[in-house]
Amino acid sequence: MNYRYMRANKNFVLNKRKPEDTQAYIDSLTTIMKSFGDSYYAMLNLLGSHDTERLASVVINPDYEYDHAANVRDSKDYDIRKPNETERLKQKLMVALQFTQPGSVHIYNGDEAGMWGGDDPDERKPNVWSELKYEPETTHPYGKTRPVDEVKFDKKLFSFYQKMAKIRNENKVLTLGKINFKIIDSGRKILGYARELNGKKLFVIANNNAESSTITLKQNEFLESKSAYKDLVDGISVKLSNGVYKITLAPYQLIVLK
């Protein structure tokens, strides 16, 4: 189970006090991949497990050391609430990175349904199912004020996990292909990487930024020189015009161009 993978992604996407830039993220992943060689393709790349805080709660509490006192029992200020909309975007970005990079994708059951919870025991709350109704979470173990959080199966988040799994399953290059990183905009933390297998390529661009970002790429600068690429995630077309591709990315959006 590749916990180092989660730490690298947390440091890049989430950390506020000690954030890592795009180059540091690339260096971290490259170091991990080199340490395992070809075996890395079989490593269980995880973003959560039954022994750690859930991914959604890592997003809410970004500056706790992963798997170290990240719960309300050991840290009374640990935030036990449900993720907000922006935090869900960050979760989706991390999941999209996971599904488009080398390694075996590992999902801790319930993350795809929208569950949250700190390290032992809250990451082991009963699973949430779409056909059942649940009482909201209303109380804090120490009697502190907290929001009333609706507990239900998150259909939109689940559909996103399904979509990313479908893209990965239908494109063998995402499972077995080599990866080549490209810093597209260091200041705005926009990362690119190409996946290549048997002459076939997919191009991934991630906007790790709370703001929308527009980038301009010359042909053969990162993308090649096709007249148009299709984003497999949202279905939009990226067209070559006067030798450049102009791409607008929403906050924390990742696109997969084919």
Protein backbone atom coordinates (compact mmCIF):
# COMPACT_ATOMS: atom_id res chain seq x y z
CA MET A 1 0.00 0.00 0.00
CA ASN A 2 1.66 3.15 -1.27
CA TYR A 3 1.12 5.73 1.48
CA ARG A 4 4.00 7.78 0.06
CA TYR A 5 1.82 8.45 -2.97
CA MET A 6 -0.89 10.00 -0.81
CA ARG A 7 1.62 12.17 1.03
CA ALA A 8 3.01 13.53 -2.24
CA ASN A 9 -0.48 14.43 -3.47
CA LYS A 10 -1.50 15.94 -0.14
CA ASN A 11 1.60 18.12 -0.07
CA PHE A 12 0.95 19.36 -3.61
CA VAL A 13 -2.82 19.82 -3.70
CA LEU A 14 -3.77 20.51 -0.08
CA ASN A 15 -1.03 21.78 2.21
CA LYS A 16 -1.45 25.41 3.28
CA ARG A 17 1.31 25.95 5.84
CA LYS A 18 3.98 24.02 3.95
CA PRO A 19 2.75 23.71 0.36
CA GLU A 20 4.90 22.02 -2.25
CA ASP A 21 5.20 23.49 -5.72
CA THR A 22 4.80 21.65 -9.00
CA GLN A 23 8.49 20.75 -9.31
CA ALA A 24 8.55 19.31 -5.79
CA TYR A 25 5.50 17.18 -6.65
CA ILE A 26 7.17 15.88 -9.79
CA ASP A 27 10.35 15.15 -7.85
CA SER A 28 8.41 13.27 -5.16
CA LEU A 29 6.57 11.07 -7.65
CA THR A 30 9.72 10.46 -9.71
CA THR A 31 11.65 9.39 -6.60
CA ILE A 32 8.90 6.97 -5.56
CA MET A 33 8.64 5.48 -9.05
CA LYS A 34 12.41 5.03 -9.36
CA SER A 35 12.58 3.30 -5.99
CA PHE A 36 10.19 0.56 -7.18
CA GLY A 37 11.11 0.35 -10.87
CA ASP A 38 8.62 -1.58 -13.01
CA SER A 39 6.98 -2.91 -9.85
CA TYR A 40 5.53 0.55 -9.33
CA TYR A 41 2.82 -0.22 -11.88
CA ALA A 42 1.42 -2.78 -9.43
CA MET A 43 1.69 -0.58 -6.34
CA LEU A 44 -1.59 0.19 -4.57
CA ASN A 45 -1.67 3.97 -4.96
CA LEU A 46 -4.10 5.07 -2.28
CA LEU A 47 -5.66 8.30 -1.06
CA GLY A 48 -7.16 6.73 2.05
CA SER A 49 -7.52 3.45 3.90
CA HIS A 50 -9.12 1.82 6.94
CA ASP A 51 -6.06 2.87 8.98
CA THR A 52 -6.00 6.58 8.08
CA GLU A 53 -8.33 9.56 8.00
CA ARG A 54 -10.65 9.60 5.00
CA LEU A 55 -9.64 11.59 1.94
CA ALA A 56 -12.48 14.10 2.40
CA SER A 57 -11.32 14.86 5.94
CA VAL A 58 -7.71 15.25 4.81
CA VAL A 59 -8.99 17.92 2.40
CA ILE A 60 -10.79 19.70 5.26
CA ASN A 61 -7.77 19.43 7.57
CA PRO A 62 -4.82 19.85 5.20
CA ASP A 63 -2.06 20.71 7.65
CA TYR A 64 -2.21 17.70 9.93
CA GLU A 65 0.54 15.18 9.30
CA TYR A 66 -1.04 12.32 7.39
CA ASP A 67 -1.95 9.40 9.67
CA HIS A 68 -0.62 11.20 12.77
CA ALA A 69 -3.13 12.43 15.38
CA ALA A 70 -5.52 13.39 12.60
CA ASN A 71 -8.65 12.85 14.65
CA VAL A 72 -10.70 14.67 17.27
CA ARG A 73 -9.58 12.28 20.02
CA ASP A 74 -5.92 13.31 19.76
CA SER A 75 -6.45 16.81 18.33
CA LYS A 76 -9.45 18.61 19.81
CA ASP A 77 -9.38 21.25 17.05
CA TYR A 78 -9.66 18.66 14.28
CA ASP A 79 -12.58 19.67 12.04
CA ILE A 80 -15.14 16.86 11.85
CA ARG A 81 -17.61 18.53 9.47
CA LYS A 82 -18.66 17.58 5.95
CA PRO A 83 -16.63 18.95 2.99
CA ASN A 84 -17.87 22.07 1.24
CA GLU A 85 -18.11 22.49 -2.53
CA THR A 86 -14.55 23.77 -3.02
CA GLU A 87 -13.16 20.96 -0.90
CA ARG A 88 -14.99 18.45 -3.05
CA LEU A 89 -13.30 19.97 -6.11
CA LYS A 90 -9.93 19.34 -4.47
CA GLN A 91 -10.93 15.77 -3.70
CA LYS A 92 -11.93 15.24 -7.32
CA LEU A 93 -8.62 16.67 -8.54
CA MET A 94 -6.69 14.22 -6.36
CA VAL A 95 -8.82 11.35 -7.62
CA ALA A 96 -8.30 12.45 -11.24
CA LEU A 97 -4.54 12.56 -10.71
CA GLN A 98 -4.68 9.08 -9.19
CA PHE A 99 -6.64 7.62 -12.12
CA THR A 100 -4.35 9.14 -14.77
CA GLN A 101 -0.97 8.22 -13.27
CA PRO A 102 0.97 4.94 -13.11
CA GLY A 103 0.20 2.51 -10.31
CA SER A 104 -2.79 0.43 -9.31
CA VAL A 105 -5.70 2.63 -8.24
CA HIS A 106 -6.88 1.86 -4.71
CA ILE A 107 -10.15 3.35 -3.40
CA TYR A 108 -11.13 3.01 0.23
CA ASN A 109 -14.78 1.99 0.10
CA GLY A 110 -17.02 4.91 0.99
CA ASP A 111 -14.75 7.68 -0.33
CA GLU A 112 -16.55 7.46 -3.65
CA ALA A 113 -19.88 7.83 -1.84
CA GLY A 114 -18.81 11.07 -0.17
CA MET A 115 -18.01 9.78 3.31
CA TRP A 116 -15.77 11.75 5.67
CA GLY A 117 -14.12 11.06 9.02
CA GLY A 118 -10.86 11.44 10.92
CA ASP A 119 -8.41 8.67 11.76
CA ASP A 120 -9.51 5.81 14.04
CA PRO A 121 -12.36 5.34 14.60
CA ASP A 122 -14.23 7.79 12.35
CA GLU A 123 -12.87 6.47 9.06
CA ARG A 124 -14.69 3.24 9.92
CA LYS A 125 -18.18 4.66 10.21
CA PRO A 126 -20.83 2.40 8.62
CA ASN A 127 -20.90 2.67 4.85
CA VAL A 128 -23.41 5.00 3.25
CA TRP A 129 -25.67 3.39 0.65
CA SER A 130 -27.82 5.10 -1.98
CA GLU A 131 -31.02 3.24 -1.09
CA LEU A 132 -30.95 4.11 2.63
CA LYS A 133 -31.77 7.27 4.59
CA TYR A 134 -29.63 8.48 7.48
CA GLU A 135 -29.91 10.87 10.38
CA PRO A 136 -27.71 13.96 10.08
CA GLU A 137 -24.52 14.36 12.11
CA THR A 138 -25.29 16.98 14.76
CA THR A 139 -23.03 16.54 17.80
CA HIS A 140 -19.38 17.10 18.65
CA PRO A 141 -17.57 14.71 21.03
CA TYR A 142 -16.45 17.66 23.16
CA GLY A 143 -19.72 19.56 22.98
CA LYS A 144 -18.36 22.18 20.59
CA THR A 145 -20.57 23.96 18.07
CA ARG A 146 -20.62 22.24 14.72
CA PRO A 147 -22.80 22.42 11.60
CA VAL A 148 -25.65 19.99 11.07
CA ASP A 149 -24.32 17.80 8.26
CA GLU A 150 -26.65 15.82 6.02
CA VAL A 151 -25.51 12.24 5.57
CA LYS A 152 -26.38 10.75 2.21
CA PHE A 153 -24.87 8.95 -0.76
CA ASP A 154 -23.20 11.55 -3.01
CA LYS A 155 -24.40 10.56 -6.48
CA LYS A 156 -22.45 13.28 -8.31
CA LEU A 157 -19.17 12.33 -6.66
CA PHE A 158 -19.84 8.65 -7.28
CA SER A 159 -20.47 9.39 -10.97
CA PHE A 160 -17.14 11.21 -11.16
CA TYR A 161 -15.31 8.17 -9.77
CA GLN A 162 -17.15 6.00 -12.30
CA LYS A 163 -16.18 8.32 -15.15
CA MET A 164 -12.49 8.35 -14.21
CA ALA A 165 -12.51 4.55 -13.86
CA LYS A 166 -14.13 4.21 -17.28
CA ILE A 167 -11.53 6.51 -18.87
CA ARG A 168 -8.71 4.51 -17.31
CA ASN A 169 -10.20 1.14 -18.27
CA GLU A 170 -10.79 2.21 -21.88
CA ASN A 171 -7.29 3.64 -22.35
CA LYS A 172 -4.58 1.10 -21.62
CA VAL A 173 -1.96 3.83 -21.86
CA LEU A 174 -3.16 5.15 -18.47
CA THR A 175 -2.49 1.78 -16.87
CA LEU A 176 0.74 0.67 -18.53
CA GLY A 177 2.16 3.71 -20.31
CA LYS A 178 5.24 5.64 -19.30
CA ILE A 179 4.83 9.15 -17.94
CA ASN A 180 6.61 12.36 -18.85
CA PHE A 181 5.98 15.45 -16.73
CA LYS A 182 5.78 19.05 -17.88
CA ILE A 183 5.48 22.18 -15.74
CA ILE A 184 3.09 24.31 -17.74
CA ASP A 185 2.83 27.23 -15.29
CA SER A 186 4.78 27.02 -12.04
CA GLY A 187 3.24 30.13 -10.49
CA ARG A 188 -0.30 28.91 -11.03
CA LYS A 189 0.58 25.28 -10.22
CA ILE A 190 -0.56 23.99 -13.61
CA LEU A 191 0.90 20.56 -14.27
CA GLY A 192 1.00 18.55 -17.46
CA TYR A 193 2.07 15.01 -18.20
CA ALA A 194 2.00 12.77 -21.24
CA ARG A 195 1.23 9.06 -20.99
CA GLU A 196 2.63 6.96 -23.84
CA LEU A 197 2.33 3.29 -24.79
CA ASN A 198 3.17 1.68 -28.12
CA GLY A 199 3.19 5.01 -29.91
CA LYS A 200 -0.17 6.12 -28.51
CA LYS A 201 -0.34 9.19 -26.28
CA LEU A 202 -2.73 10.90 -23.92
CA PHE A 203 -2.05 14.34 -22.46
CA VAL A 204 -3.15 15.36 -18.98
CA ILE A 205 -3.34 18.94 -17.72
CA ALA A 206 -4.25 19.78 -14.11
CA ASN A 207 -5.08 23.20 -12.69
CA ASN A 208 -4.16 23.04 -9.01
CA ASN A 209 -5.52 26.50 -8.42
CA ALA A 210 -8.57 28.09 -6.79
CA GLU A 211 -9.00 30.36 -9.81
CA SER A 212 -9.87 29.66 -13.44
CA SER A 213 -6.75 29.66 -15.61
CA THR A 214 -6.29 30.16 -19.32
CA ILE A 215 -3.15 28.74 -20.90
CA THR A 216 -1.74 28.99 -24.41
CA LEU A 217 0.39 26.15 -25.76
CA LYS A 218 2.24 26.26 -29.04
CA GLN A 219 1.94 23.14 -31.18
CA ASN A 220 4.65 20.61 -30.31
CA GLU A 221 5.42 22.52 -27.12
CA PHE A 222 3.61 19.94 -24.97
CA LEU A 223 0.73 18.80 -27.11
CA GLU A 224 1.67 17.67 -30.60
CA SER A 225 0.09 19.16 -33.73
CA LYS A 226 -3.33 17.56 -34.12
CA SER A 227 -6.03 19.83 -35.44
CA ALA A 228 -8.09 19.09 -32.34
CA TYR A 229 -8.01 17.11 -29.11
CA LYS A 230 -11.00 15.88 -27.13
CA ASP A 231 -11.14 16.06 -23.33
CA LEU A 232 -12.25 12.61 -22.18
CA VAL A 233 -13.52 13.98 -18.86
CA ASP A 234 -15.91 16.72 -19.99
CA GLY A 235 -16.06 16.08 -23.74
CA ILE A 236 -14.89 19.53 -24.81
CA SER A 237 -12.77 20.04 -27.91
CA VAL A 238 -9.39 21.80 -27.82
CA LYS A 239 -8.58 23.10 -31.30
CA LEU A 240 -5.36 24.22 -32.93
CA SER A 241 -5.65 27.82 -34.15
CA ASN A 242 -2.79 29.78 -35.70
CA GLY A 243 -0.31 27.31 -34.32
CA VAL A 244 -1.52 27.42 -30.70
CA TYR A 245 -3.97 25.70 -28.38
CA LYS A 246 -5.86 27.98 -26.01
CA ILE A 247 -7.30 26.16 -23.02
CA THR A 248 -9.36 27.52 -20.13
CA LEU A 249 -9.35 25.43 -16.97
CA ALA A 250 -11.83 25.75 -14.11
CA PRO A 251 -10.58 25.75 -10.51
CA TYR A 252 -9.01 22.38 -9.63
CA GLN A 253 -9.93 20.93 -13.01
CA LEU A 254 -8.06 18.11 -14.73
CA ILE A 255 -8.48 17.32 -18.42
CA VAL A 256 -7.38 14.26 -20.39
CA LEU A 257 -6.72 15.09 -24.04
CA LYS A 258 -6.81 12.43 -26.74
